[in-house]
Amino acid sequence: MNLISLFLIILLLAGIIAIIPYVLAILLFIGAVFLIYKLVLKIKKKRYFKSDEFLAHKKEAESIVFEYNEIANYIKSIPNRNQFIAPKKELEHAHLANFINTSNHNYARNRNQRNLVSSNVYPASLQVVRRASEEPIKYLCKYFNIKPTEENLEQIEEIGTNISKIENTINNLNIRQQQIENSLNPPKFITKHFYNEFLDQVGVNLPKIKPEYAHYIFEYVSAGGNSSQRTVIKLDGETTEAIASYLAEKIKFNKSAEGQRALMTNRLRTMIKKRDNYTCQMCSASVAEQSLLLLEIDHIIPISKGGMTTVENLQTLCWKCNRSKSNKILD
C-alpha cells in the first residue's frame, strides 16, 4: 500500500467520524418523532373509547354483537378435523425401524427421504405420482383405500358437510363483523392501528378457527435421495364432492336405496334452501326477515337412524334449531 492510498483511507475514515454525530442526531430526531406520534395515537384512542359517541354506538350494536358471539361460539362445536383415514397394509410397520445411511462416500446423501410413517403420504413410483396429478380422485381412492362402500360414501359426505358448515359460518361471521364495523363507523386511525382492541372494546369474541383441510400426498424419492416429486390433493369441499360422485358410480346400492339416494352437494343444499324459501322449517325464521340468518340442511330422519339423503328427507333449519334437533327424530 503506497502513501497516497493510505492518505485517502485516513481521509475517508476522518470524514465518516465527522458525520457520525449528525447521523446520530438525525436518528434520535426520527425516534423522538415516532415516539410522539405513538403517544398521540394512544391518547386519541383512549379519548375515542371513552367518548359519548363510541359508547352510544356500542349500545346500539349490542344485539348485533350478541348474535355474532353466539355464532362464533357455535362454530367451535362444528367438527373441523376432516380427514379420511383407511387402513393401509403396505409399510404399516415401517415406524418400528430406523433407516440409517452409513455410506462413507463424500457426496450429498439423504437430501430427500421417503416418508414411511404418515398415513397421509403414499410412497410411490414416479409414474404413479404423475398419474395421480392427472386423475387425482381415481388414484386417491385406489391408493388410500377409499373403497366404494355406502359406509365410506357416508363418511365422505359427512366430511363435505362439515367443511361446508365451517366455510359458510366463517363467511357469515365475516359479513357480521363488517356490519358491526359499519354500524360503529370508527375513525380510520382506530381501524388502522387498534382494530383488534376496537373489536375487544365492542365485545366481539373473534374465533381463531379456519377450515382444516387434510392433504393427501403421493411422493416419489429416488433411490439415492437426490430427487423427489410430489402430487398433493387437498380434501376441500370440491374434492369431497368429486370423491362422493366417483364412489356413488361404483357402489351397488341395496334395492331400497337404489334410485332414491342423492349426493349431498352444495348444489343440493342450495336447492333445498330455495325449495323451503330460505326459511327454517322449525321456528319459521327466514332470510327475508333476517338477512344474515345462518341456514343449514338437516336430515329429517338422521342417517344414523336409517334416514337417507333424499329430497324428501331433507329440510332447511336455522343453525340454532339444527343444533337443538341434533340426531333426534321430531314428531
C-alpha atoms as a PDB file:
ATOM      1  CA  MET A   1       0.000   0.000   0.000  1.00  0.00           C
ATOM      2  CA  ASN A   2       1.523   3.343  -1.064  1.00  0.00           C
ATOM      3  CA  LEU A   3       1.336   6.612   0.855  1.00  0.00           C
ATOM      4  CA  ILE A   4      -1.371   8.064  -1.391  1.00  0.00           C
ATOM      5  CA  SER A   5      -3.701   5.117  -0.736  1.00  0.00           C
ATOM      6  CA  LEU A   6      -3.047   5.328   2.995  1.00  0.00           C
ATOM      7  CA  PHE A   7      -3.744   9.050   2.943  1.00  0.00           C
ATOM      8  CA  LEU A   8      -7.053   8.526   1.118  1.00  0.00           C
ATOM      9  CA  ILE A   9      -8.160   5.876   3.622  1.00  0.00           C
ATOM     10  CA  ILE A  10      -7.327   8.206   6.524  1.00  0.00           C
ATOM     11  CA  LEU A  11      -9.341  10.990   4.882  1.00  0.00           C
ATOM     12  CA  LEU A  12     -12.291   8.649   4.367  1.00  0.00           C
ATOM     13  CA  LEU A  13     -12.253   7.488   7.991  1.00  0.00           C
ATOM     14  CA  ALA A  14     -11.969  11.067   9.183  1.00  0.00           C
ATOM     15  CA  GLY A  15     -14.982  12.033   7.080  1.00  0.00           C
ATOM     16  CA  ILE A  16     -17.035   9.135   8.453  1.00  0.00           C
ATOM     17  CA  ILE A  17     -16.108  10.024  12.037  1.00  0.00           C
ATOM     18  CA  ALA A  18     -17.010  13.650  11.378  1.00  0.00           C
ATOM     19  CA  ILE A  19     -20.559  12.870  10.199  1.00  0.00           C
ATOM     20  CA  ILE A  20     -21.359  10.295  12.927  1.00  0.00           C
ATOM     21  CA  PRO A  21     -22.726  12.948  15.350  1.00  0.00           C
ATOM     22  CA  TYR A  22     -25.033  14.290  12.625  1.00  0.00           C
ATOM     23  CA  VAL A  23     -26.284  10.796  11.754  1.00  0.00           C
ATOM     24  CA  LEU A  24     -26.946  10.050  15.422  1.00  0.00           C
ATOM     25  CA  ALA A  25     -28.768  13.353  15.801  1.00  0.00           C
ATOM     26  CA  ILE A  26     -30.991  12.583  12.810  1.00  0.00           C
ATOM     27  CA  LEU A  27     -31.760   9.086  14.133  1.00  0.00           C
ATOM     28  CA  LEU A  28     -32.590  10.473  17.575  1.00  0.00           C
ATOM     29  CA  PHE A  29     -34.870  13.074  15.994  1.00  0.00           C
ATOM     30  CA  ILE A  30     -36.700  10.429  13.934  1.00  0.00           C
ATOM     31  CA  GLY A  31     -37.032   8.214  17.013  1.00  0.00           C
ATOM     32  CA  ALA A  32     -38.425  11.100  19.066  1.00  0.00           C
ATOM     33  CA  VAL A  33     -40.955  11.970  16.348  1.00  0.00           C
ATOM     34  CA  PHE A  34     -42.045   8.321  16.151  1.00  0.00           C
ATOM     35  CA  LEU A  35     -42.498   8.083  19.932  1.00  0.00           C
ATOM     36  CA  ILE A  36     -44.502  11.330  19.988  1.00  0.00           C
ATOM     37  CA  TYR A  37     -46.657  10.023  17.120  1.00  0.00           C
ATOM     38  CA  LYS A  38     -47.346   6.780  19.006  1.00  0.00           C
ATOM     39  CA  LEU A  39     -48.126   8.697  22.187  1.00  0.00           C
ATOM     40  CA  VAL A  40     -50.576  10.976  20.368  1.00  0.00           C
ATOM     41  CA  LEU A  41     -52.305   7.935  18.835  1.00  0.00           C
ATOM     42  CA  LYS A  42     -52.707   6.310  22.250  1.00  0.00           C
ATOM     43  CA  ILE A  43     -54.151   9.499  23.736  1.00  0.00           C
ATOM     44  CA  LYS A  44     -56.618   9.822  20.835  1.00  0.00           C
ATOM     45  CA  LYS A  45     -57.512   6.131  21.187  1.00  0.00           C
ATOM     46  CA  LYS A  46     -58.321   6.475  24.899  1.00  0.00           C
ATOM     47  CA  ARG A  47     -60.422   9.553  24.248  1.00  0.00           C
ATOM     48  CA  TYR A  48     -62.338   7.781  21.477  1.00  0.00           C
ATOM     49  CA  PHE A  49     -63.155   4.680  23.546  1.00  0.00           C
ATOM     50  CA  LYS A  50     -64.405   6.919  26.379  1.00  0.00           C
ATOM     51  CA  SER A  51     -66.357   9.260  24.113  1.00  0.00           C
ATOM     52  CA  ASP A  52     -70.147   9.510  24.247  1.00  0.00           C
ATOM     53  CA  GLU A  53     -70.273   8.826  20.509  1.00  0.00           C
ATOM     54  CA  PHE A  54     -68.480   5.472  20.798  1.00  0.00           C
ATOM     55  CA  LEU A  55     -70.444   4.386  23.881  1.00  0.00           C
ATOM     56  CA  ALA A  56     -73.734   5.255  22.165  1.00  0.00           C
ATOM     57  CA  HIS A  57     -72.831   3.299  19.016  1.00  0.00           C
ATOM     58  CA  LYS A  58     -71.647   0.397  21.165  1.00  0.00           C
ATOM     59  CA  LYS A  59     -75.021   0.345  22.932  1.00  0.00           C
ATOM     60  CA  GLU A  60     -76.880   0.339  19.618  1.00  0.00           C
ATOM     61  CA  ALA A  61     -74.762  -2.549  18.302  1.00  0.00           C
ATOM     62  CA  GLU A  62     -75.270  -4.811  21.342  1.00  0.00           C
ATOM     63  CA  SER A  63     -77.780  -7.106  19.616  1.00  0.00           C
ATOM     64  CA  ILE A  64     -75.563  -7.476  16.522  1.00  0.00           C
ATOM     65  CA  VAL A  65     -72.543  -8.264  18.692  1.00  0.00           C
ATOM     66  CA  PHE A  66     -74.565 -10.751  20.753  1.00  0.00           C
ATOM     67  CA  GLU A  67     -75.640 -12.641  17.607  1.00  0.00           C
ATOM     68  CA  TYR A  68     -72.062 -12.601  16.329  1.00  0.00           C
ATOM     69  CA  ASN A  69     -70.733 -14.090  19.566  1.00  0.00           C
ATOM     70  CA  GLU A  70     -73.446 -16.769  19.564  1.00  0.00           C
ATOM     71  CA  ILE A  71     -72.392 -17.946  16.112  1.00  0.00           C
ATOM     72  CA  ALA A  72     -68.693 -17.580  16.992  1.00  0.00           C
ATOM     73  CA  ASN A  73     -69.299 -19.925  19.908  1.00  0.00           C
ATOM     74  CA  TYR A  74     -71.325 -22.310  17.711  1.00  0.00           C
ATOM     75  CA  ILE A  75     -68.555 -22.673  15.124  1.00  0.00           C
ATOM     76  CA  LYS A  76     -66.318 -24.203  17.794  1.00  0.00           C
ATOM     77  CA  SER A  77     -68.716 -27.162  18.008  1.00  0.00           C
ATOM     78  CA  ILE A  78     -68.527 -27.988  14.283  1.00  0.00           C
ATOM     79  CA  PRO A  79     -66.128 -30.909  13.649  1.00  0.00           C
ATOM     80  CA  ASN A  80     -63.055 -29.487  11.942  1.00  0.00           C
ATOM     81  CA  ARG A  81     -60.746 -32.482  11.628  1.00  0.00           C
ATOM     82  CA  ASN A  82     -61.857 -33.548   8.201  1.00  0.00           C
ATOM     83  CA  GLN A  83     -59.678 -36.492   7.300  1.00  0.00           C
ATOM     84  CA  PHE A  84     -60.491 -39.861   5.803  1.00  0.00           C
ATOM     85  CA  ILE A  85     -58.034 -42.450   7.099  1.00  0.00           C
ATOM     86  CA  ALA A  86     -58.403 -46.001   5.896  1.00  0.00           C
ATOM     87  CA  PRO A  87     -56.249 -48.957   6.997  1.00  0.00           C
ATOM     88  CA  LYS A  88     -53.056 -49.221   4.962  1.00  0.00           C
ATOM     89  CA  LYS A  89     -51.345 -52.586   4.878  1.00  0.00           C
ATOM     90  CA  GLU A  90     -48.224 -51.610   2.969  1.00  0.00           C
ATOM     91  CA  LEU A  91     -45.497 -50.119   5.175  1.00  0.00           C
ATOM     92  CA  GLU A  92     -47.806 -50.137   8.201  1.00  0.00           C
ATOM     93  CA  HIS A  93     -44.916 -51.306  10.431  1.00  0.00           C
ATOM     94  CA  ALA A  94     -42.264 -49.028   8.910  1.00  0.00           C
ATOM     95  CA  HIS A  95     -42.244 -46.838  12.015  1.00  0.00           C
ATOM     96  CA  LEU A  96     -40.767 -49.737  14.012  1.00  0.00           C
ATOM     97  CA  ALA A  97     -37.391 -49.464  12.262  1.00  0.00           C
ATOM     98  CA  ASN A  98     -34.802 -46.753  11.624  1.00  0.00           C
ATOM     99  CA  PHE A  99     -33.123 -46.380   8.232  1.00  0.00           C
ATOM    100  CA  ILE A 100     -29.512 -45.155   8.622  1.00  0.00           C
ATOM    101  CA  ASN A 101     -27.212 -44.283   5.736  1.00  0.00           C
ATOM    102  CA  THR A 102     -23.674 -45.434   6.677  1.00  0.00           C
ATOM    103  CA  SER A 103     -22.055 -44.626   3.345  1.00  0.00           C
ATOM    104  CA  ASN A 104     -18.532 -43.143   3.541  1.00  0.00           C
ATOM    105  CA  HIS A 105     -18.707 -41.583   0.087  1.00  0.00           C
ATOM    106  CA  ASN A 106     -18.100 -37.853   0.134  1.00  0.00           C
ATOM    107  CA  TYR A 107     -21.256 -36.636  -1.606  1.00  0.00           C
ATOM    108  CA  ALA A 108     -24.654 -35.444  -0.522  1.00  0.00           C
ATOM    109  CA  ARG A 109     -26.973 -38.150   0.804  1.00  0.00           C
ATOM    110  CA  ASN A 110     -30.368 -38.049   2.463  1.00  0.00           C
ATOM    111  CA  ARG A 111     -31.243 -34.743   0.883  1.00  0.00           C
ATOM    112  CA  ASN A 112     -34.664 -36.250   0.206  1.00  0.00           C
ATOM    113  CA  GLN A 113     -36.048 -39.078   2.302  1.00  0.00           C
ATOM    114  CA  ARG A 114     -39.187 -41.153   1.888  1.00  0.00           C
ATOM    115  CA  ASN A 115     -41.923 -40.600   4.421  1.00  0.00           C
ATOM    116  CA  LEU A 116     -42.901 -44.075   5.631  1.00  0.00           C
ATOM    117  CA  VAL A 117     -44.852 -43.070   8.731  1.00  0.00           C
ATOM    118  CA  SER A 118     -47.553 -40.527   7.861  1.00  0.00           C
ATOM    119  CA  SER A 119     -50.884 -42.077   6.887  1.00  0.00           C
ATOM    120  CA  ASN A 120     -51.435 -39.152   4.507  1.00  0.00           C
ATOM    121  CA  VAL A 121     -48.287 -39.806   2.474  1.00  0.00           C
ATOM    122  CA  TYR A 122     -48.066 -42.630  -0.058  1.00  0.00           C
ATOM    123  CA  PRO A 123     -44.506 -43.507  -1.196  1.00  0.00           C
ATOM    124  CA  ALA A 124     -44.913 -44.212  -4.908  1.00  0.00           C
ATOM    125  CA  SER A 125     -43.115 -44.606  -8.196  1.00  0.00           C
ATOM    126  CA  LEU A 126     -42.596 -41.572 -10.386  1.00  0.00           C
ATOM    127  CA  GLN A 127     -45.212 -42.874 -12.824  1.00  0.00           C
ATOM    128  CA  VAL A 128     -47.865 -43.141 -10.077  1.00  0.00           C
ATOM    129  CA  VAL A 129     -47.057 -39.631  -8.835  1.00  0.00           C
ATOM    130  CA  ARG A 130     -47.536 -38.240 -12.338  1.00  0.00           C
ATOM    131  CA  ARG A 131     -50.727 -40.217 -12.978  1.00  0.00           C
ATOM    132  CA  ALA A 132     -52.136 -39.052  -9.638  1.00  0.00           C
ATOM    133  CA  SER A 133     -51.783 -35.454 -10.828  1.00  0.00           C
ATOM    134  CA  GLU A 134     -53.790 -36.336 -13.953  1.00  0.00           C
ATOM    135  CA  GLU A 135     -56.504 -38.436 -12.264  1.00  0.00           C
ATOM    136  CA  PRO A 136     -56.456 -37.313  -8.613  1.00  0.00           C
ATOM    137  CA  ILE A 137     -59.785 -38.796  -7.490  1.00  0.00           C
ATOM    138  CA  LYS A 138     -59.188 -42.219  -9.016  1.00  0.00           C
ATOM    139  CA  TYR A 139     -55.692 -42.518  -7.547  1.00  0.00           C
ATOM    140  CA  LEU A 140     -56.679 -41.051  -4.178  1.00  0.00           C
ATOM    141  CA  CYS A 141     -59.403 -43.679  -3.753  1.00  0.00           C
ATOM    142  CA  LYS A 142     -57.217 -46.501  -5.049  1.00  0.00           C
ATOM    143  CA  TYR A 143     -54.046 -45.908  -3.058  1.00  0.00           C
ATOM    144  CA  PHE A 144     -55.555 -44.511   0.141  1.00  0.00           C
ATOM    145  CA  ASN A 145     -58.032 -47.368   0.361  1.00  0.00           C
ATOM    146  CA  ILE A 146     -61.233 -45.334  -0.027  1.00  0.00           C
ATOM    147  CA  LYS A 147     -63.287 -48.270  -1.226  1.00  0.00           C
ATOM    148  CA  PRO A 148     -66.697 -47.855  -2.911  1.00  0.00           C
ATOM    149  CA  THR A 149     -68.943 -48.746   0.030  1.00  0.00           C
ATOM    150  CA  GLU A 150     -72.016 -47.000   1.391  1.00  0.00           C
ATOM    151  CA  GLU A 151     -70.211 -46.522   4.728  1.00  0.00           C
ATOM    152  CA  ASN A 152     -67.281 -44.747   3.062  1.00  0.00           C
ATOM    153  CA  LEU A 153     -69.645 -42.639   0.966  1.00  0.00           C
ATOM    154  CA  GLU A 154     -71.472 -41.523   4.115  1.00  0.00           C
ATOM    155  CA  GLN A 155     -68.160 -40.651   5.774  1.00  0.00           C
ATOM    156  CA  ILE A 156     -67.016 -38.602   2.776  1.00  0.00           C
ATOM    157  CA  GLU A 157     -70.358 -36.780   2.666  1.00  0.00           C
ATOM    158  CA  GLU A 158     -70.135 -36.061   6.392  1.00  0.00           C
ATOM    159  CA  ILE A 159     -66.683 -34.560   5.837  1.00  0.00           C
ATOM    160  CA  GLY A 160     -68.104 -32.448   2.998  1.00  0.00           C
ATOM    161  CA  THR A 161     -70.998 -31.302   5.190  1.00  0.00           C
ATOM    162  CA  ASN A 162     -68.641 -30.266   7.994  1.00  0.00           C
ATOM    163  CA  ILE A 163     -66.422 -28.359   5.567  1.00  0.00           C
ATOM    164  CA  SER A 164     -69.473 -26.610   4.102  1.00  0.00           C
ATOM    165  CA  LYS A 165     -70.714 -25.679   7.590  1.00  0.00           C
ATOM    166  CA  ILE A 166     -67.332 -24.281   8.610  1.00  0.00           C
ATOM    167  CA  GLU A 167     -66.902 -22.278   5.389  1.00  0.00           C
ATOM    168  CA  ASN A 168     -70.458 -20.877   5.438  1.00  0.00           C
ATOM    169  CA  THR A 169     -70.260 -19.985   9.130  1.00  0.00           C
ATOM    170  CA  ILE A 170     -66.908 -18.215   8.714  1.00  0.00           C
ATOM    171  CA  ASN A 171     -68.315 -16.283   5.752  1.00  0.00           C
ATOM    172  CA  ASN A 172     -71.382 -15.344   7.824  1.00  0.00           C
ATOM    173  CA  LEU A 173     -69.150 -14.149  10.672  1.00  0.00           C
ATOM    174  CA  ASN A 174     -67.023 -12.059   8.307  1.00  0.00           C
ATOM    175  CA  ILE A 175     -70.128 -10.304   6.973  1.00  0.00           C
ATOM    176  CA  ARG A 176     -71.404  -9.705  10.513  1.00  0.00           C
ATOM    177  CA  GLN A 177     -68.008  -8.343  11.559  1.00  0.00           C
ATOM    178  CA  GLN A 178     -68.123  -5.873   8.679  1.00  0.00           C
ATOM    179  CA  GLN A 179     -71.677  -4.931   9.672  1.00  0.00           C
ATOM    180  CA  ILE A 180     -70.517  -4.216  13.236  1.00  0.00           C
ATOM    181  CA  GLU A 181     -67.670  -2.050  11.949  1.00  0.00           C
ATOM    182  CA  ASN A 182     -70.014  -0.147   9.631  1.00  0.00           C
ATOM    183  CA  SER A 183     -72.556   0.469  12.387  1.00  0.00           C
ATOM    184  CA  LEU A 184     -69.940   1.989  14.721  1.00  0.00           C
ATOM    185  CA  ASN A 185     -68.016   3.726  11.924  1.00  0.00           C
ATOM    186  CA  PRO A 186     -64.749   4.177  13.887  1.00  0.00           C
ATOM    187  CA  PRO A 187     -62.107   6.719  12.780  1.00  0.00           C
ATOM    188  CA  LYS A 188     -59.563   5.442  10.280  1.00  0.00           C
ATOM    189  CA  PHE A 189     -56.690   5.597  12.772  1.00  0.00           C
ATOM    190  CA  ILE A 190     -58.612   3.170  15.015  1.00  0.00           C
ATOM    191  CA  THR A 191     -59.146   0.567  12.276  1.00  0.00           C
ATOM    192  CA  LYS A 192     -55.563   1.017  11.061  1.00  0.00           C
ATOM    193  CA  HIS A 193     -53.690   0.858  14.373  1.00  0.00           C
ATOM    194  CA  PHE A 194     -56.075  -0.524  17.007  1.00  0.00           C
ATOM    195  CA  TYR A 195     -58.513  -2.786  15.152  1.00  0.00           C
ATOM    196  CA  ASN A 196     -58.250  -5.787  17.477  1.00  0.00           C
ATOM    197  CA  GLU A 197     -58.595  -3.539  20.519  1.00  0.00           C
ATOM    198  CA  PHE A 198     -61.622  -1.921  18.867  1.00  0.00           C
ATOM    199  CA  LEU A 199     -63.312  -5.323  18.500  1.00  0.00           C
ATOM    200  CA  ASP A 200     -62.403  -6.163  22.083  1.00  0.00           C
ATOM    201  CA  GLN A 201     -63.896  -2.878  23.322  1.00  0.00           C
ATOM    202  CA  VAL A 202     -67.099  -3.586  21.390  1.00  0.00           C
ATOM    203  CA  GLY A 203     -67.253  -7.081  22.887  1.00  0.00           C
ATOM    204  CA  VAL A 204     -66.630  -9.145  19.756  1.00  0.00           C
ATOM    205  CA  ASN A 205     -65.087 -12.550  20.504  1.00  0.00           C
ATOM    206  CA  LEU A 206     -63.162 -13.455  17.369  1.00  0.00           C
ATOM    207  CA  PRO A 207     -62.978 -17.250  16.929  1.00  0.00           C
ATOM    208  CA  LYS A 208     -59.487 -18.391  15.951  1.00  0.00           C
ATOM    209  CA  ILE A 209     -60.827 -21.009  13.577  1.00  0.00           C
ATOM    210  CA  LYS A 210     -60.278 -21.707   9.905  1.00  0.00           C
ATOM    211  CA  PRO A 211     -61.162 -24.772   7.826  1.00  0.00           C
ATOM    212  CA  GLU A 212     -58.686 -27.613   8.324  1.00  0.00           C
ATOM    213  CA  TYR A 213     -58.246 -29.370   5.006  1.00  0.00           C
ATOM    214  CA  ALA A 214     -56.488 -32.719   5.027  1.00  0.00           C
ATOM    215  CA  HIS A 215     -53.794 -33.114   2.363  1.00  0.00           C
ATOM    216  CA  TYR A 216     -53.033 -36.450   0.716  1.00  0.00           C
ATOM    217  CA  ILE A 217     -49.618 -36.791  -0.864  1.00  0.00           C
ATOM    218  CA  PHE A 218     -48.160 -39.107  -3.483  1.00  0.00           C
ATOM    219  CA  GLU A 219     -44.405 -38.904  -3.051  1.00  0.00           C
ATOM    220  CA  TYR A 220     -41.556 -40.180  -5.190  1.00  0.00           C
ATOM    221  CA  VAL A 221     -37.989 -40.167  -3.841  1.00  0.00           C
ATOM    222  CA  SER A 222     -35.136 -41.576  -5.896  1.00  0.00           C
ATOM    223  CA  ALA A 223     -33.012 -44.402  -4.501  1.00  0.00           C
ATOM    224  CA  GLY A 224     -30.122 -42.048  -3.741  1.00  0.00           C
ATOM    225  CA  GLY A 225     -32.385 -39.393  -2.289  1.00  0.00           C
ATOM    226  CA  ASN A 226     -31.186 -36.815  -4.808  1.00  0.00           C
ATOM    227  CA  SER A 227     -34.537 -36.107  -6.449  1.00  0.00           C
ATOM    228  CA  SER A 228     -38.159 -36.109  -5.381  1.00  0.00           C
ATOM    229  CA  GLN A 229     -41.581 -35.231  -6.753  1.00  0.00           C
ATOM    230  CA  ARG A 230     -44.995 -34.908  -5.165  1.00  0.00           C
ATOM    231  CA  THR A 231     -48.647 -34.749  -6.078  1.00  0.00           C
ATOM    232  CA  VAL A 232     -50.714 -33.098  -3.333  1.00  0.00           C
ATOM    233  CA  ILE A 233     -54.503 -33.430  -3.155  1.00  0.00           C
ATOM    234  CA  LYS A 234     -56.382 -31.093  -0.813  1.00  0.00           C
ATOM    235  CA  LEU A 235     -59.529 -32.584   0.703  1.00  0.00           C
ATOM    236  CA  ASP A 236     -61.716 -29.486   0.400  1.00  0.00           C
ATOM    237  CA  GLY A 237     -65.397 -29.185  -0.448  1.00  0.00           C
ATOM    238  CA  GLU A 238     -64.900 -29.580  -4.197  1.00  0.00           C
ATOM    239  CA  THR A 239     -62.708 -32.658  -3.721  1.00  0.00           C
ATOM    240  CA  THR A 240     -65.149 -34.368  -1.330  1.00  0.00           C
ATOM    241  CA  GLU A 241     -67.984 -33.858  -3.823  1.00  0.00           C
ATOM    242  CA  ALA A 242     -65.855 -35.361  -6.601  1.00  0.00           C
ATOM    243  CA  ILE A 243     -64.959 -38.360  -4.399  1.00  0.00           C
ATOM    244  CA  ALA A 244     -68.613 -38.877  -3.438  1.00  0.00           C
ATOM    245  CA  SER A 245     -69.648 -38.815  -7.095  1.00  0.00           C
ATOM    246  CA  TYR A 246     -66.845 -41.252  -8.004  1.00  0.00           C
ATOM    247  CA  LEU A 247     -67.819 -43.692  -5.224  1.00  0.00           C
ATOM    248  CA  ALA A 248     -71.547 -43.451  -5.985  1.00  0.00           C
ATOM    249  CA  GLU A 249     -70.938 -44.520  -9.575  1.00  0.00           C
ATOM    250  CA  LYS A 250     -69.229 -47.686  -8.363  1.00  0.00           C
ATOM    251  CA  ILE A 251     -71.478 -48.622  -5.427  1.00  0.00           C
ATOM    252  CA  LYS A 252     -74.164 -51.245  -5.812  1.00  0.00           C
ATOM    253  CA  PHE A 253     -76.858 -49.863  -3.521  1.00  0.00           C
ATOM    254  CA  ASN A 254     -79.416 -52.143  -1.944  1.00  0.00           C
ATOM    255  CA  LYS A 255     -82.825 -52.098  -3.618  1.00  0.00           C
ATOM    256  CA  SER A 256     -84.404 -49.756  -1.075  1.00  0.00           C
ATOM    257  CA  ALA A 257     -81.755 -47.131  -1.674  1.00  0.00           C
ATOM    258  CA  GLU A 258     -81.269 -47.606  -5.386  1.00  0.00           C
ATOM    259  CA  GLY A 259     -82.715 -44.755  -7.391  1.00  0.00           C
ATOM    260  CA  GLN A 260     -83.597 -42.792  -4.267  1.00  0.00           C
ATOM    261  CA  ARG A 261     -80.312 -41.713  -2.778  1.00  0.00           C
ATOM    262  CA  ALA A 262     -78.886 -38.336  -3.765  1.00  0.00           C
ATOM    263  CA  LEU A 263     -75.411 -36.937  -3.160  1.00  0.00           C
ATOM    264  CA  MET A 264     -75.124 -34.204  -0.529  1.00  0.00           C
ATOM    265  CA  THR A 265     -73.583 -31.456  -2.651  1.00  0.00           C
ATOM    266  CA  ASN A 266     -73.607 -27.672  -2.392  1.00  0.00           C
ATOM    267  CA  ARG A 267     -75.965 -27.643  -5.348  1.00  0.00           C
ATOM    268  CA  LEU A 268     -78.424 -29.884  -3.474  1.00  0.00           C
ATOM    269  CA  ARG A 269     -78.120 -27.765  -0.315  1.00  0.00           C
ATOM    270  CA  THR A 270     -78.952 -24.636  -2.299  1.00  0.00           C
ATOM    271  CA  MET A 271     -81.892 -26.382  -3.971  1.00  0.00           C
ATOM    272  CA  ILE A 272     -83.385 -27.417  -0.593  1.00  0.00           C
ATOM    273  CA  LYS A 273     -82.984 -23.894   0.819  1.00  0.00           C
ATOM    274  CA  LYS A 274     -84.670 -22.453  -2.261  1.00  0.00           C
ATOM    275  CA  ARG A 275     -87.495 -25.021  -2.038  1.00  0.00           C
ATOM    276  CA  ASP A 276     -88.051 -24.065   1.612  1.00  0.00           C
ATOM    277  CA  ASN A 277     -87.996 -20.371   0.684  1.00  0.00           C
ATOM    278  CA  TYR A 278     -84.853 -19.832   2.791  1.00  0.00           C
ATOM    279  CA  THR A 279     -86.962 -20.362   5.901  1.00  0.00           C
ATOM    280  CA  CYS A 280     -86.283 -22.521   8.963  1.00  0.00           C
ATOM    281  CA  GLN A 281     -88.839 -25.342   8.987  1.00  0.00           C
ATOM    282  CA  MET A 282     -88.967 -25.381  12.798  1.00  0.00           C
ATOM    283  CA  CYS A 283     -89.016 -21.780  14.025  1.00  0.00           C
ATOM    284  CA  SER A 284     -90.042 -20.078  10.738  1.00  0.00           C
ATOM    285  CA  ALA A 285     -87.146 -17.608  10.869  1.00  0.00           C
ATOM    286  CA  SER A 286     -86.330 -16.526   7.328  1.00  0.00           C
ATOM    287  CA  VAL A 287     -83.700 -14.672   5.336  1.00  0.00           C
ATOM    288  CA  ALA A 288     -86.440 -12.249   4.291  1.00  0.00           C
ATOM    289  CA  GLU A 289     -86.643 -11.055   7.908  1.00  0.00           C
ATOM    290  CA  GLN A 290     -83.008 -11.674   8.921  1.00  0.00           C
ATOM    291  CA  SER A 291     -80.657 -11.136   6.010  1.00  0.00           C
ATOM    292  CA  LEU A 292     -77.720 -12.784   7.811  1.00  0.00           C
ATOM    293  CA  LEU A 293     -79.656 -15.805   9.089  1.00  0.00           C
ATOM    294  CA  LEU A 294     -77.344 -18.836   9.064  1.00  0.00           C
ATOM    295  CA  LEU A 295     -79.234 -21.726   7.446  1.00  0.00           C
ATOM    296  CA  GLU A 296     -78.193 -25.391   7.291  1.00  0.00           C
ATOM    297  CA  ILE A 297     -79.562 -28.568   5.736  1.00  0.00           C
ATOM    298  CA  ASP A 298     -80.825 -31.295   8.069  1.00  0.00           C
ATOM    299  CA  HIS A 299     -81.827 -34.927   7.597  1.00  0.00           C
ATOM    300  CA  ILE A 300     -85.379 -35.225   8.973  1.00  0.00           C
ATOM    301  CA  ILE A 301     -84.671 -38.862   9.790  1.00  0.00           C
ATOM    302  CA  PRO A 302     -80.958 -38.907  10.680  1.00  0.00           C
ATOM    303  CA  ILE A 303     -78.643 -41.152   8.685  1.00  0.00           C
ATOM    304  CA  SER A 304     -77.624 -42.795  11.974  1.00  0.00           C
ATOM    305  CA  LYS A 305     -81.244 -43.927  12.359  1.00  0.00           C
ATOM    306  CA  GLY A 306     -81.785 -45.211   8.853  1.00  0.00           C
ATOM    307  CA  GLY A 307     -82.555 -41.945   7.076  1.00  0.00           C
ATOM    308  CA  MET A 308     -81.302 -41.340   3.566  1.00  0.00           C
ATOM    309  CA  THR A 309     -80.059 -38.357   1.610  1.00  0.00           C
ATOM    310  CA  THR A 310     -83.211 -37.805  -0.416  1.00  0.00           C
ATOM    311  CA  VAL A 311     -85.013 -34.599  -1.281  1.00  0.00           C
ATOM    312  CA  GLU A 312     -87.991 -35.729   0.823  1.00  0.00           C
ATOM    313  CA  ASN A 313     -85.783 -36.386   3.867  1.00  0.00           C
ATOM    314  CA  LEU A 314     -84.002 -33.026   3.772  1.00  0.00           C
ATOM    315  CA  GLN A 315     -85.135 -29.744   5.291  1.00  0.00           C
ATOM    316  CA  THR A 316     -83.825 -26.264   5.934  1.00  0.00           C
ATOM    317  CA  LEU A 317     -83.141 -25.314   9.554  1.00  0.00           C
ATOM    318  CA  CYS A 318     -81.517 -22.308  11.151  1.00  0.00           C
ATOM    319  CA  TRP A 319     -78.305 -23.127  12.994  1.00  0.00           C
ATOM    320  CA  LYS A 320     -79.990 -22.899  16.411  1.00  0.00           C
ATOM    321  CA  CYS A 321     -82.784 -25.336  15.547  1.00  0.00           C
ATOM    322  CA  ASN A 322     -80.361 -27.687  13.792  1.00  0.00           C
ATOM    323  CA  ARG A 323     -78.134 -27.747  16.868  1.00  0.00           C
ATOM    324  CA  SER A 324     -81.059 -28.421  19.222  1.00  0.00           C
ATOM    325  CA  LYS A 325     -82.528 -31.124  16.957  1.00  0.00           C
ATOM    326  CA  SER A 326     -79.194 -32.904  16.516  1.00  0.00           C
ATOM    327  CA  ASN A 327     -79.845 -36.593  15.685  1.00  0.00           C
ATOM    328  CA  LYS A 328     -83.374 -36.685  17.080  1.00  0.00           C
ATOM    329  CA  ILE A 329     -86.498 -37.547  15.090  1.00  0.00           C
ATOM    330  CA  LEU A 330     -89.169 -34.931  15.762  1.00  0.00           C
ATOM    331  CA  ASP A 331     -92.883 -35.608  15.511  1.00  0.00           C
END
